[in-house]
Amino acid sequence: MKVRMLFETGYEEVEALTVVDLLRRAKVDCLMVAADDQDTVTGSHGITVKMDEKISELADDADMIVLPGGMPGVTNLIANEKVKNLVCGQYEEGRYVAAICAAPTAFGAFGILKDKKATCYPGMEAGLHCAEVLYDSVVTDGKVITSRGMGTAIDFGLKLVEILTDQDTSEKLAAAIVYK
């Protein structure tokens, strides 16, 4: 399984890196992709991370595209035409798209939440255009997975592991990291 986490300047570090870490521990091929085509991307709290790939070099073969939250990271993701095209293409082809915190509002802006259930960071629900808003830590509706914020990053990451591998792998990983 191939997952691509899209990073823009101002991403939320814990949300992004927790998910990447959990997916890699589960032996899922997860690459960090610079949506701005830079070699490194700096998060909203000043942590700079070296990227694995640039969006302009990205093959369109991912099983899942993931967007982390953070500001102005989400604003930058929404404004990036390459991100929009990649996420919308992924969704239209029936492959998974996932987002956490403010990032589900990108799905709203891209028009892919119509008649879907979704969640997001508290106070940003209006950005989920046409979605049925839920307040669970993680919401899955078909091939769209959303989560609420930094405090739900492990739940979100483990749900992605479960979807991409199986429940047993997710449960074993949760035990290995001493989660709940």
C-alpha atoms as a PDB file:
ATOM      1  CA  MET A   1       0.000   0.000   0.000  1.00  0.00           C
ATOM      2  CA  LYS A   2       1.226   3.484  -0.876  1.00  0.00           C
ATOM      3  CA  VAL A   3       0.384   6.578   1.149  1.00  0.00           C
ATOM      4  CA  ARG A   4       1.479  10.112   0.368  1.00  0.00           C
ATOM      5  CA  MET A   5       1.321  12.786   3.098  1.00  0.00           C
ATOM      6  CA  LEU A   6       1.237  16.260   1.517  1.00  0.00           C
ATOM      7  CA  PHE A   7       3.164  18.945   3.423  1.00  0.00           C
ATOM      8  CA  GLU A   8       2.798  22.700   2.953  1.00  0.00           C
ATOM      9  CA  THR A   9       4.509  25.445   4.937  1.00  0.00           C
ATOM     10  CA  GLY A  10       2.664  25.760   8.233  1.00  0.00           C
ATOM     11  CA  TYR A  11       1.585  22.109   8.589  1.00  0.00           C
ATOM     12  CA  GLU A  12       0.807  20.806  12.106  1.00  0.00           C
ATOM     13  CA  GLU A  13       3.877  18.789  13.058  1.00  0.00           C
ATOM     14  CA  VAL A  14       2.327  16.294  15.489  1.00  0.00           C
ATOM     15  CA  GLU A  15      -0.573  15.462  13.186  1.00  0.00           C
ATOM     16  CA  ALA A  16       1.667  14.897  10.187  1.00  0.00           C
ATOM     17  CA  LEU A  17       4.575  13.099  11.799  1.00  0.00           C
ATOM     18  CA  THR A  18       2.481  10.894  14.091  1.00  0.00           C
ATOM     19  CA  VAL A  19       0.599   9.532  11.097  1.00  0.00           C
ATOM     20  CA  VAL A  20       3.766   9.040   9.027  1.00  0.00           C
ATOM     21  CA  ASP A  21       5.428   7.282  11.974  1.00  0.00           C
ATOM     22  CA  LEU A  22       2.494   4.930  12.630  1.00  0.00           C
ATOM     23  CA  LEU A  23       2.116   4.020   8.968  1.00  0.00           C
ATOM     24  CA  ARG A  24       5.823   3.283   8.642  1.00  0.00           C
ATOM     25  CA  ARG A  25       5.788   1.151  11.811  1.00  0.00           C
ATOM     26  CA  ALA A  26       2.972  -0.835  10.159  1.00  0.00           C
ATOM     27  CA  LYS A  27       5.216  -1.318   7.089  1.00  0.00           C
ATOM     28  CA  VAL A  28       3.016   0.893   4.897  1.00  0.00           C
ATOM     29  CA  ASP A  29       4.947   2.753   2.176  1.00  0.00           C
ATOM     30  CA  CYS A  30       4.349   6.329   3.382  1.00  0.00           C
ATOM     31  CA  LEU A  31       6.258   9.189   1.788  1.00  0.00           C
ATOM     32  CA  MET A  32       6.338  12.821   2.879  1.00  0.00           C
ATOM     33  CA  VAL A  33       5.639  14.989  -0.172  1.00  0.00           C
ATOM     34  CA  ALA A  34       6.488  18.687  -0.495  1.00  0.00           C
ATOM     35  CA  ALA A  35       3.400  20.291  -2.016  1.00  0.00           C
ATOM     36  CA  ASP A  36       5.500  23.412  -2.702  1.00  0.00           C
ATOM     37  CA  ASP A  37       8.282  21.387  -4.413  1.00  0.00           C
ATOM     38  CA  GLN A  38      10.888  22.320  -1.805  1.00  0.00           C
ATOM     39  CA  ASP A  39      13.428  19.927  -0.269  1.00  0.00           C
ATOM     40  CA  THR A  40      12.251  20.785   3.253  1.00  0.00           C
ATOM     41  CA  VAL A  41       9.009  22.106   4.687  1.00  0.00           C
ATOM     42  CA  THR A  42       8.641  24.045   7.939  1.00  0.00           C
ATOM     43  CA  GLY A  43       5.649  23.452  10.185  1.00  0.00           C
ATOM     44  CA  SER A  44       3.508  25.878  12.137  1.00  0.00           C
ATOM     45  CA  HIS A  45       5.761  25.528  15.199  1.00  0.00           C
ATOM     46  CA  GLY A  46       9.065  26.004  13.402  1.00  0.00           C
ATOM     47  CA  ILE A  47      10.013  22.335  12.910  1.00  0.00           C
ATOM     48  CA  THR A  48      11.578  21.762   9.505  1.00  0.00           C
ATOM     49  CA  VAL A  49      11.433  18.301   7.956  1.00  0.00           C
ATOM     50  CA  LYS A  50      13.274  16.935   4.908  1.00  0.00           C
ATOM     51  CA  MET A  51      10.787  15.635   2.364  1.00  0.00           C
ATOM     52  CA  ASP A  52      10.955  12.304   0.540  1.00  0.00           C
ATOM     53  CA  GLU A  53       9.456  13.603  -2.680  1.00  0.00           C
ATOM     54  CA  LYS A  54       8.173  16.709  -4.467  1.00  0.00           C
ATOM     55  CA  ILE A  55       4.608  16.957  -5.731  1.00  0.00           C
ATOM     56  CA  SER A  56       5.767  17.729  -9.286  1.00  0.00           C
ATOM     57  CA  GLU A  57       7.653  14.382  -9.327  1.00  0.00           C
ATOM     58  CA  LEU A  58       4.875  12.365  -7.694  1.00  0.00           C
ATOM     59  CA  ALA A  59       3.490   9.338  -9.527  1.00  0.00           C
ATOM     60  CA  ASP A  60      -0.290   9.138  -9.445  1.00  0.00           C
ATOM     61  CA  ASP A  61      -0.346   5.679  -7.874  1.00  0.00           C
ATOM     62  CA  ALA A  62      -1.078   6.217  -4.185  1.00  0.00           C
ATOM     63  CA  ASP A  63      -3.679   4.142  -2.402  1.00  0.00           C
ATOM     64  CA  MET A  64      -4.224   7.082  -0.044  1.00  0.00           C
ATOM     65  CA  ILE A  65      -3.458  10.797   0.060  1.00  0.00           C
ATOM     66  CA  VAL A  66      -3.329  12.371   3.536  1.00  0.00           C
ATOM     67  CA  LEU A  67      -3.514  16.058   4.445  1.00  0.00           C
ATOM     68  CA  PRO A  68      -2.314  17.267   7.861  1.00  0.00           C
ATOM     69  CA  GLY A  69      -3.862  20.269   9.562  1.00  0.00           C
ATOM     70  CA  GLY A  70      -2.120  23.365  10.831  1.00  0.00           C
ATOM     71  CA  MET A  71      -2.234  27.009   9.860  1.00  0.00           C
ATOM     72  CA  PRO A  72      -1.319  28.423   7.481  1.00  0.00           C
ATOM     73  CA  GLY A  73      -0.611  24.915   6.127  1.00  0.00           C
ATOM     74  CA  VAL A  74      -4.230  24.158   5.284  1.00  0.00           C
ATOM     75  CA  THR A  75      -4.717  27.554   3.648  1.00  0.00           C
ATOM     76  CA  ASN A  76      -1.622  26.827   1.544  1.00  0.00           C
ATOM     77  CA  LEU A  77      -2.913  23.346   0.627  1.00  0.00           C
ATOM     78  CA  ILE A  78      -6.264  24.775  -0.498  1.00  0.00           C
ATOM     79  CA  ALA A  79      -4.541  27.443  -2.614  1.00  0.00           C
ATOM     80  CA  ASN A  80      -2.227  24.906  -4.302  1.00  0.00           C
ATOM     81  CA  GLU A  81      -3.715  23.817  -7.641  1.00  0.00           C
ATOM     82  CA  LYS A  82      -1.487  20.714  -7.785  1.00  0.00           C
ATOM     83  CA  VAL A  83      -2.845  19.594  -4.413  1.00  0.00           C
ATOM     84  CA  LYS A  84      -6.431  20.171  -5.533  1.00  0.00           C
ATOM     85  CA  ASN A  85      -5.900  18.230  -8.765  1.00  0.00           C
ATOM     86  CA  LEU A  86      -4.164  15.361  -6.967  1.00  0.00           C
ATOM     87  CA  VAL A  87      -6.756  15.059  -4.180  1.00  0.00           C
ATOM     88  CA  CYS A  88      -9.740  15.388  -6.527  1.00  0.00           C
ATOM     89  CA  GLY A  89      -8.248  12.889  -8.987  1.00  0.00           C
ATOM     90  CA  GLN A  90      -7.573  10.462  -6.147  1.00  0.00           C
ATOM     91  CA  TYR A  91     -11.152  10.753  -4.915  1.00  0.00           C
ATOM     92  CA  GLU A  92     -12.705  10.525  -8.391  1.00  0.00           C
ATOM     93  CA  GLU A  93     -10.757   7.310  -9.032  1.00  0.00           C
ATOM     94  CA  GLY A  94     -12.229   5.750  -5.894  1.00  0.00           C
ATOM     95  CA  ARG A  95      -9.040   5.798  -3.843  1.00  0.00           C
ATOM     96  CA  TYR A  96      -8.716   6.965  -0.244  1.00  0.00           C
ATOM     97  CA  VAL A  97      -8.331  10.569   0.873  1.00  0.00           C
ATOM     98  CA  ALA A  98      -7.775  11.428   4.538  1.00  0.00           C
ATOM     99  CA  ALA A  99      -7.404  14.682   6.459  1.00  0.00           C
ATOM    100  CA  ILE A 100      -7.071  15.804  10.050  1.00  0.00           C
ATOM    101  CA  CYS A 101      -7.815  18.986  12.024  1.00  0.00           C
ATOM    102  CA  ALA A 102      -8.472  21.938   9.692  1.00  0.00           C
ATOM    103  CA  ALA A 103      -7.506  19.931   6.597  1.00  0.00           C
ATOM    104  CA  PRO A 104     -10.962  18.385   6.043  1.00  0.00           C
ATOM    105  CA  THR A 105     -11.985  21.925   5.034  1.00  0.00           C
ATOM    106  CA  ALA A 106      -9.753  21.425   1.978  1.00  0.00           C
ATOM    107  CA  PHE A 107     -12.031  18.524   1.019  1.00  0.00           C
ATOM    108  CA  GLY A 108     -14.968  20.878   1.511  1.00  0.00           C
ATOM    109  CA  ALA A 109     -13.332  23.532  -0.663  1.00  0.00           C
ATOM    110  CA  PHE A 110     -12.564  20.916  -3.326  1.00  0.00           C
ATOM    111  CA  GLY A 111     -16.213  19.797  -3.395  1.00  0.00           C
ATOM    112  CA  ILE A 112     -15.705  16.189  -2.295  1.00  0.00           C
ATOM    113  CA  LEU A 113     -17.731  16.211   0.934  1.00  0.00           C
ATOM    114  CA  LYS A 114     -21.184  16.457  -0.659  1.00  0.00           C
ATOM    115  CA  ASP A 115     -23.447  13.939   1.090  1.00  0.00           C
ATOM    116  CA  LYS A 116     -20.540  12.658   3.209  1.00  0.00           C
ATOM    117  CA  LYS A 117     -20.098  12.433   6.963  1.00  0.00           C
ATOM    118  CA  ALA A 118     -17.012  14.266   8.223  1.00  0.00           C
ATOM    119  CA  THR A 119     -15.373  15.885  11.221  1.00  0.00           C
ATOM    120  CA  CYS A 120     -12.787  18.613  11.707  1.00  0.00           C
ATOM    121  CA  TYR A 121     -11.192  20.957  14.203  1.00  0.00           C
ATOM    122  CA  PRO A 122     -13.817  22.618  16.427  1.00  0.00           C
ATOM    123  CA  GLY A 123     -15.056  25.902  14.981  1.00  0.00           C
ATOM    124  CA  MET A 124     -14.186  25.035  11.380  1.00  0.00           C
ATOM    125  CA  GLU A 125     -17.327  23.036  10.613  1.00  0.00           C
ATOM    126  CA  ALA A 126     -18.639  25.616   8.097  1.00  0.00           C
ATOM    127  CA  GLY A 127     -15.706  24.659   5.859  1.00  0.00           C
ATOM    128  CA  LEU A 128     -17.064  21.123   5.488  1.00  0.00           C
ATOM    129  CA  HIS A 129     -19.500  22.349   2.797  1.00  0.00           C
ATOM    130  CA  CYS A 130     -22.478  20.005   2.352  1.00  0.00           C
ATOM    131  CA  ALA A 131     -21.160  17.359   4.764  1.00  0.00           C
ATOM    132  CA  GLU A 132     -23.025  15.910   7.711  1.00  0.00           C
ATOM    133  CA  VAL A 133     -20.846  17.104  10.591  1.00  0.00           C
ATOM    134  CA  LEU A 134     -19.996  14.554  13.278  1.00  0.00           C
ATOM    135  CA  TYR A 135     -17.908  15.021  16.407  1.00  0.00           C
ATOM    136  CA  ASP A 136     -16.228  11.608  16.666  1.00  0.00           C
ATOM    137  CA  SER A 137     -12.424  11.538  16.860  1.00  0.00           C
ATOM    138  CA  VAL A 138     -12.265   9.833  13.450  1.00  0.00           C
ATOM    139  CA  VAL A 139     -15.022   9.609  10.840  1.00  0.00           C
ATOM    140  CA  THR A 140     -14.899   7.247   7.868  1.00  0.00           C
ATOM    141  CA  ASP A 141     -17.408   7.600   5.043  1.00  0.00           C
ATOM    142  CA  GLY A 142     -16.532   5.419   2.088  1.00  0.00           C
ATOM    143  CA  LYS A 143     -13.067   6.414   0.910  1.00  0.00           C
ATOM    144  CA  VAL A 144     -13.032   9.677   2.909  1.00  0.00           C
ATOM    145  CA  ILE A 145     -11.471   9.657   6.395  1.00  0.00           C
ATOM    146  CA  THR A 146     -11.430  12.758   8.615  1.00  0.00           C
ATOM    147  CA  SER A 147     -10.267  13.522  12.140  1.00  0.00           C
ATOM    148  CA  ARG A 148     -10.459  16.396  14.638  1.00  0.00           C
ATOM    149  CA  GLY A 149      -6.962  17.525  15.639  1.00  0.00           C
ATOM    150  CA  MET A 150      -3.632  16.934  17.300  1.00  0.00           C
ATOM    151  CA  GLY A 151      -5.289  15.113  20.210  1.00  0.00           C
ATOM    152  CA  THR A 152      -6.813  12.580  17.808  1.00  0.00           C
ATOM    153  CA  ALA A 153      -3.663  12.008  15.719  1.00  0.00           C
ATOM    154  CA  ILE A 154      -2.968   8.536  17.143  1.00  0.00           C
ATOM    155  CA  ASP A 155      -6.608   7.458  16.682  1.00  0.00           C
ATOM    156  CA  PHE A 156      -6.449   8.780  13.123  1.00  0.00           C
ATOM    157  CA  GLY A 157      -3.138   7.086  12.342  1.00  0.00           C
ATOM    158  CA  LEU A 158      -4.295   3.758  13.768  1.00  0.00           C
ATOM    159  CA  LYS A 159      -7.534   3.956  11.742  1.00  0.00           C
ATOM    160  CA  LEU A 160      -5.476   4.494   8.586  1.00  0.00           C
ATOM    161  CA  VAL A 161      -3.313   1.483   9.510  1.00  0.00           C
ATOM    162  CA  GLU A 162      -6.473  -0.592  10.005  1.00  0.00           C
ATOM    163  CA  ILE A 163      -7.905   0.494   6.644  1.00  0.00           C
ATOM    164  CA  LEU A 164      -4.661  -0.095   4.745  1.00  0.00           C
ATOM    165  CA  THR A 165      -3.651  -3.346   6.443  1.00  0.00           C
ATOM    166  CA  ASP A 166      -6.085  -4.938   8.897  1.00  0.00           C
ATOM    167  CA  GLN A 167      -7.542  -4.531  12.382  1.00  0.00           C
ATOM    168  CA  ASP A 168      -5.080  -6.994  13.924  1.00  0.00           C
ATOM    169  CA  THR A 169      -2.085  -4.972  12.702  1.00  0.00           C
ATOM    170  CA  SER A 170      -3.629  -1.779  14.061  1.00  0.00           C
ATOM    171  CA  GLU A 171      -4.348  -3.383  17.448  1.00  0.00           C
ATOM    172  CA  LYS A 172      -0.838  -4.838  17.723  1.00  0.00           C
ATOM    173  CA  LEU A 173       0.650  -1.450  16.846  1.00  0.00           C
ATOM    174  CA  ALA A 174      -1.506   0.264  19.477  1.00  0.00           C
ATOM    175  CA  ALA A 175      -0.260  -2.230  22.066  1.00  0.00           C
ATOM    176  CA  ALA A 176       3.359  -1.805  20.966  1.00  0.00           C
ATOM    177  CA  ILE A 177       3.192   1.968  21.480  1.00  0.00           C
ATOM    178  CA  VAL A 178       1.357   1.509  24.797  1.00  0.00           C
ATOM    179  CA  TYR A 179      -1.748   3.294  23.533  1.00  0.00           C
ATOM    180  CA  LYS A 180      -4.801   2.967  25.794  1.00  0.00           C
END
